Amino acid sequence: MKIGIIRCRKTENYCPGTTDFKSLKIKSGSFSTLEGELELVGFVSCGGCPGKDAVLRAKELVRRGAECIAFASCIKKGVPIGFPCPNADHMIEAVRKAVGSQVKILETTH
C-alpha cells in the first residue's frame, strides 16, 4: 500500500520524522493495521495553522499514488512538543471528505 504522511508544520524544527519512517518500515503503531508491503510516496506538512492546506496536500498525495493518508502523531498526540493540534479533528475530517472513502485514513502514525 502506498502511504502519504501529513505532519504538523510547527514540529518541523524539532522532528525530522524518523519515528514515522521507522514505524512505517517495521509496520508498527497505526501502520500495523495495514496489509501488504508499505511504500512512502510523500511526507508533507499541514501548511501551518489552522491546517487548511492539508486538504490540498492530501489530494496531491493521492494524485501521486497514495492509497492511505496518515497523520503524523505530532498532530493528534502533540509529540515531541507536548501540544496537540487544536484543529486536528476538523482537519482530519476535511481530508477524509476530500479524498473519499477509497483512501484509508490513519489519525496517528506511532
N, C-alpha and C. Protein backbone atom coordinates (compact mmCIF):
# COMPACT_ATOMS: atom_id res chain seq x y z
N MET A 1 0.84 -1.17 0.00
CA MET A 1 0.00 0.00 0.00
C MET A 1 0.89 1.24 0.00
N LYS A 2 0.50 2.23 -0.77
CA LYS A 2 1.25 3.48 -0.86
C LYS A 2 0.69 4.48 0.15
N ILE A 3 1.62 5.10 0.90
CA ILE A 3 1.28 5.96 2.02
C ILE A 3 1.77 7.38 1.80
N GLY A 4 0.93 8.33 2.15
CA GLY A 4 1.33 9.73 2.24
C GLY A 4 1.17 10.17 3.68
N ILE A 5 2.16 10.85 4.21
CA ILE A 5 2.10 11.30 5.61
C ILE A 5 2.01 12.83 5.64
N ILE A 6 1.08 13.30 6.48
CA ILE A 6 0.94 14.74 6.73
C ILE A 6 1.34 15.00 8.17
N ARG A 7 2.26 15.93 8.34
CA ARG A 7 2.78 16.25 9.66
C ARG A 7 2.43 17.68 10.06
N CYS A 8 2.65 18.01 11.30
CA CYS A 8 2.44 19.37 11.80
C CYS A 8 3.61 20.25 11.38
N ARG A 9 3.29 21.37 10.79
CA ARG A 9 4.35 22.30 10.37
C ARG A 9 5.12 22.85 11.55
N LYS A 10 4.45 23.02 12.68
CA LYS A 10 5.11 23.59 13.87
C LYS A 10 6.19 22.68 14.44
N THR A 11 6.16 21.40 14.13
CA THR A 11 7.16 20.49 14.69
C THR A 11 8.34 20.25 13.76
N GLU A 12 8.35 20.86 12.59
CA GLU A 12 9.44 20.62 11.64
C GLU A 12 10.82 20.96 12.20
N ASN A 13 10.90 21.95 13.09
CA ASN A 13 12.19 22.32 13.68
C ASN A 13 12.64 21.34 14.75
N TYR A 14 11.72 20.51 15.25
CA TYR A 14 12.03 19.60 16.34
C TYR A 14 12.16 18.15 15.90
N CYS A 15 11.45 17.79 14.84
CA CYS A 15 11.33 16.38 14.49
C CYS A 15 11.54 16.15 13.00
N PRO A 16 12.51 15.33 12.63
CA PRO A 16 12.74 15.03 11.22
C PRO A 16 11.87 13.90 10.68
N GLY A 17 10.95 13.38 11.50
CA GLY A 17 10.06 12.31 11.05
C GLY A 17 10.62 10.91 11.19
N THR A 18 11.74 10.77 11.85
CA THR A 18 12.43 9.50 11.98
C THR A 18 11.53 8.39 12.53
N THR A 19 10.77 8.68 13.57
CA THR A 19 9.91 7.65 14.17
C THR A 19 8.76 7.29 13.23
N ASP A 20 8.25 8.26 12.48
CA ASP A 20 7.22 7.96 11.48
C ASP A 20 7.77 6.98 10.44
N PHE A 21 8.96 7.26 9.94
CA PHE A 21 9.57 6.41 8.91
C PHE A 21 9.88 5.01 9.45
N LYS A 22 10.39 4.96 10.69
CA LYS A 22 10.69 3.66 11.30
C LYS A 22 9.41 2.86 11.50
N SER A 23 8.37 3.50 12.00
CA SER A 23 7.09 2.81 12.22
C SER A 23 6.54 2.26 10.91
N LEU A 24 6.66 3.03 9.85
CA LEU A 24 6.20 2.57 8.54
C LEU A 24 7.02 1.36 8.08
N LYS A 25 8.34 1.46 8.25
CA LYS A 25 9.23 0.39 7.79
C LYS A 25 8.97 -0.93 8.49
N ILE A 26 8.74 -0.88 9.81
CA ILE A 26 8.55 -2.13 10.56
C ILE A 26 7.07 -2.44 10.82
N LYS A 27 6.19 -1.63 10.24
CA LYS A 27 4.75 -1.81 10.37
C LYS A 27 4.31 -1.86 11.83
N SER A 28 4.72 -0.86 12.59
CA SER A 28 4.29 -0.75 13.98
C SER A 28 3.33 0.44 14.10
N GLY A 29 2.82 0.66 15.30
CA GLY A 29 1.87 1.75 15.51
C GLY A 29 0.66 1.57 14.61
N SER A 30 0.15 2.64 14.08
CA SER A 30 -1.03 2.58 13.21
C SER A 30 -0.77 1.82 11.92
N PHE A 31 0.48 1.75 11.49
CA PHE A 31 0.80 1.04 10.26
C PHE A 31 0.63 -0.47 10.41
N SER A 32 0.57 -0.96 11.64
CA SER A 32 0.39 -2.40 11.87
C SER A 32 -0.98 -2.89 11.39
N THR A 33 -1.90 -1.97 11.17
CA THR A 33 -3.24 -2.35 10.71
C THR A 33 -3.32 -2.54 9.20
N LEU A 34 -2.25 -2.20 8.50
CA LEU A 34 -2.27 -2.24 7.03
C LEU A 34 -1.70 -3.55 6.51
N GLU A 35 -2.26 -4.02 5.42
CA GLU A 35 -1.83 -5.28 4.80
C GLU A 35 -0.80 -5.01 3.70
N GLY A 36 0.05 -5.99 3.48
CA GLY A 36 0.99 -5.94 2.36
C GLY A 36 2.18 -5.02 2.59
N GLU A 37 2.96 -4.85 1.55
CA GLU A 37 4.15 -4.01 1.59
C GLU A 37 3.74 -2.55 1.62
N LEU A 38 4.45 -1.74 2.42
CA LEU A 38 4.15 -0.32 2.53
C LEU A 38 5.23 0.49 1.83
N GLU A 39 4.79 1.53 1.12
CA GLU A 39 5.71 2.40 0.40
C GLU A 39 5.32 3.85 0.68
N LEU A 40 6.29 4.66 1.07
CA LEU A 40 6.05 6.08 1.31
C LEU A 40 6.11 6.83 -0.02
N VAL A 41 5.05 7.58 -0.33
CA VAL A 41 5.04 8.37 -1.56
C VAL A 41 5.22 9.85 -1.31
N GLY A 42 5.07 10.28 -0.07
CA GLY A 42 5.27 11.69 0.25
C GLY A 42 5.15 11.96 1.73
N PHE A 43 5.84 13.02 2.16
CA PHE A 43 5.88 13.44 3.56
C PHE A 43 5.79 14.95 3.54
N VAL A 44 4.62 15.50 3.87
CA VAL A 44 4.39 16.94 3.77
C VAL A 44 3.84 17.47 5.08
N SER A 45 3.86 18.79 5.23
CA SER A 45 3.25 19.39 6.41
C SER A 45 1.81 19.78 6.09
N CYS A 46 1.09 20.11 7.14
CA CYS A 46 -0.29 20.56 7.01
C CYS A 46 -0.36 21.96 6.40
N GLY A 47 0.77 22.65 6.34
CA GLY A 47 0.84 24.00 5.82
C GLY A 47 0.82 25.07 6.90
N GLY A 48 0.64 24.65 8.12
CA GLY A 48 0.58 25.60 9.23
C GLY A 48 -0.85 25.82 9.69
N CYS A 49 -0.98 26.40 10.84
CA CYS A 49 -2.30 26.60 11.46
C CYS A 49 -3.18 27.48 10.57
N PRO A 50 -4.42 27.10 10.41
CA PRO A 50 -5.19 26.06 11.08
C PRO A 50 -5.23 24.73 10.33
N GLY A 51 -4.32 24.49 9.39
CA GLY A 51 -4.26 23.20 8.71
C GLY A 51 -5.07 23.12 7.43
N LYS A 52 -5.48 24.24 6.89
CA LYS A 52 -6.30 24.24 5.67
C LYS A 52 -5.58 23.61 4.48
N ASP A 53 -4.27 23.76 4.41
CA ASP A 53 -3.52 23.21 3.28
C ASP A 53 -3.48 21.69 3.29
N ALA A 54 -3.83 21.08 4.40
CA ALA A 54 -3.81 19.61 4.48
C ALA A 54 -4.72 18.98 3.43
N VAL A 55 -5.84 19.61 3.13
CA VAL A 55 -6.77 19.06 2.14
C VAL A 55 -6.11 19.03 0.76
N LEU A 56 -5.56 20.15 0.34
CA LEU A 56 -4.91 20.19 -0.98
C LEU A 56 -3.70 19.26 -1.04
N ARG A 57 -2.95 19.20 0.04
CA ARG A 57 -1.77 18.34 0.06
C ARG A 57 -2.15 16.87 0.07
N ALA A 58 -3.22 16.51 0.77
CA ALA A 58 -3.69 15.13 0.74
C ALA A 58 -4.15 14.74 -0.66
N LYS A 59 -4.87 15.64 -1.31
CA LYS A 59 -5.33 15.37 -2.68
C LYS A 59 -4.14 15.17 -3.62
N GLU A 60 -3.09 15.95 -3.42
CA GLU A 60 -1.89 15.80 -4.26
C GLU A 60 -1.18 14.48 -3.96
N LEU A 61 -1.12 14.07 -2.69
CA LEU A 61 -0.54 12.78 -2.36
C LEU A 61 -1.31 11.65 -3.02
N VAL A 62 -2.62 11.75 -3.02
CA VAL A 62 -3.46 10.74 -3.67
C VAL A 62 -3.21 10.76 -5.17
N ARG A 63 -3.12 11.95 -5.76
CA ARG A 63 -2.83 12.05 -7.19
C ARG A 63 -1.50 11.38 -7.54
N ARG A 64 -0.58 11.40 -6.60
CA ARG A 64 0.73 10.80 -6.81
C ARG A 64 0.78 9.33 -6.36
N GLY A 65 -0.38 8.77 -6.06
CA GLY A 65 -0.44 7.34 -5.81
C GLY A 65 -0.79 6.89 -4.41
N ALA A 66 -0.89 7.80 -3.45
CA ALA A 66 -1.20 7.39 -2.07
C ALA A 66 -2.58 6.74 -2.00
N GLU A 67 -2.60 5.58 -1.36
CA GLU A 67 -3.85 4.86 -1.10
C GLU A 67 -4.27 5.04 0.35
N CYS A 68 -3.38 5.64 1.13
CA CYS A 68 -3.60 5.87 2.55
C CYS A 68 -2.95 7.19 2.92
N ILE A 69 -3.67 8.01 3.68
CA ILE A 69 -3.11 9.24 4.24
C ILE A 69 -2.98 9.02 5.74
N ALA A 70 -1.77 9.16 6.24
CA ALA A 70 -1.51 9.02 7.67
C ALA A 70 -1.16 10.39 8.24
N PHE A 71 -1.82 10.76 9.30
CA PHE A 71 -1.49 11.99 10.00
C PHE A 71 -0.43 11.65 11.05
N ALA A 72 0.71 12.32 10.97
CA ALA A 72 1.80 12.05 11.91
C ALA A 72 1.30 12.27 13.34
N SER A 73 1.87 11.54 14.25
CA SER A 73 1.43 11.58 15.65
C SER A 73 1.58 12.95 16.29
N CYS A 74 2.42 13.80 15.72
CA CYS A 74 2.56 15.16 16.25
C CYS A 74 1.24 15.92 16.20
N ILE A 75 0.37 15.57 15.27
CA ILE A 75 -0.89 16.30 15.13
C ILE A 75 -1.86 15.94 16.25
N LYS A 76 -2.17 14.68 16.43
CA LYS A 76 -3.15 14.28 17.46
C LYS A 76 -2.55 14.16 18.86
N LYS A 77 -1.31 13.67 18.93
CA LYS A 77 -0.69 13.41 20.24
C LYS A 77 0.16 14.58 20.73
N GLY A 78 0.55 15.47 19.82
CA GLY A 78 1.34 16.62 20.23
C GLY A 78 2.80 16.34 20.48
N VAL A 79 3.29 15.19 20.05
CA VAL A 79 4.70 14.88 20.24
C VAL A 79 5.53 15.53 19.13
N PRO A 80 6.71 16.01 19.35
CA PRO A 80 7.51 15.99 20.58
C PRO A 80 7.34 17.23 21.45
N ILE A 81 6.51 18.20 21.05
CA ILE A 81 6.45 19.45 21.80
C ILE A 81 5.37 19.49 22.87
N GLY A 82 4.57 18.41 22.97
CA GLY A 82 3.57 18.34 24.02
C GLY A 82 2.35 19.23 23.80
N PHE A 83 2.06 19.51 22.54
CA PHE A 83 0.93 20.38 22.24
C PHE A 83 0.16 19.82 21.05
N PRO A 84 -0.91 19.05 21.30
CA PRO A 84 -1.72 18.53 20.19
C PRO A 84 -2.36 19.66 19.39
N CYS A 85 -2.57 19.43 18.14
CA CYS A 85 -3.20 20.43 17.28
C CYS A 85 -4.66 20.64 17.69
N PRO A 86 -5.05 21.88 17.96
CA PRO A 86 -6.44 22.13 18.32
C PRO A 86 -7.40 21.96 17.13
N ASN A 87 -6.85 21.88 15.93
CA ASN A 87 -7.65 21.73 14.72
C ASN A 87 -7.61 20.31 14.15
N ALA A 88 -7.00 19.39 14.87
CA ALA A 88 -6.76 18.04 14.34
C ALA A 88 -8.02 17.35 13.85
N ASP A 89 -9.03 17.28 14.66
CA ASP A 89 -10.23 16.55 14.27
C ASP A 89 -10.90 17.17 13.04
N HIS A 90 -10.98 18.47 13.02
CA HIS A 90 -11.59 19.16 11.87
C HIS A 90 -10.76 18.93 10.60
N MET A 91 -9.43 19.03 10.73
CA MET A 91 -8.53 18.84 9.59
C MET A 91 -8.64 17.41 9.05
N ILE A 92 -8.62 16.44 9.92
CA ILE A 92 -8.70 15.03 9.51
C ILE A 92 -10.03 14.76 8.82
N GLU A 93 -11.11 15.30 9.37
CA GLU A 93 -12.43 15.09 8.77
C GLU A 93 -12.52 15.76 7.40
N ALA A 94 -11.94 16.94 7.25
CA ALA A 94 -11.94 17.64 5.96
C ALA A 94 -11.16 16.85 4.92
N VAL A 95 -10.03 16.27 5.32
CA VAL A 95 -9.25 15.45 4.39
C VAL A 95 -10.03 14.19 4.04
N ARG A 96 -10.61 13.55 5.01
CA ARG A 96 -11.41 12.34 4.78
C ARG A 96 -12.50 12.62 3.74
N LYS A 97 -13.18 13.71 3.89
CA LYS A 97 -14.26 14.09 2.96
C LYS A 97 -13.70 14.39 1.57
N ALA A 98 -12.57 15.06 1.50
CA ALA A 98 -11.99 15.48 0.22
C ALA A 98 -11.43 14.32 -0.60
N VAL A 99 -10.84 13.32 0.06
CA VAL A 99 -10.21 12.23 -0.70
C VAL A 99 -11.14 11.05 -0.93
N GLY A 100 -12.23 11.00 -0.21
CA GLY A 100 -13.21 9.94 -0.43
C GLY A 100 -12.91 8.67 0.34
N SER A 101 -13.89 7.80 0.32
CA SER A 101 -13.82 6.57 1.12
C SER A 101 -12.84 5.53 0.58
N GLN A 102 -12.38 5.69 -0.66
CA GLN A 102 -11.44 4.72 -1.22
C GLN A 102 -10.03 4.90 -0.65
N VAL A 103 -9.77 6.03 0.00
CA VAL A 103 -8.46 6.30 0.61
C VAL A 103 -8.57 6.07 2.11
N LYS A 104 -7.70 5.21 2.63
CA LYS A 104 -7.69 4.91 4.07
C LYS A 104 -7.04 6.08 4.80
N ILE A 105 -7.58 6.41 5.96
CA ILE A 105 -7.06 7.49 6.79
C ILE A 105 -6.58 6.90 8.12
N LEU A 106 -5.33 7.25 8.48
CA LEU A 106 -4.79 6.88 9.79
C LEU A 106 -4.63 8.18 10.57
N GLU A 107 -5.18 8.27 11.76
CA GLU A 107 -5.14 9.50 12.53
C GLU A 107 -3.83 9.72 13.28
N THR A 108 -3.02 8.67 13.41
CA THR A 108 -1.68 8.77 14.01
C THR A 108 -0.75 7.82 13.26
N THR A 109 0.54 7.97 13.52
CA THR A 109 1.50 7.06 12.90
C THR A 109 2.09 6.10 13.93
N HIS A 110 2.54 6.63 15.06
CA HIS A 110 3.18 5.79 16.08
C HIS A 110 2.62 6.05 17.45
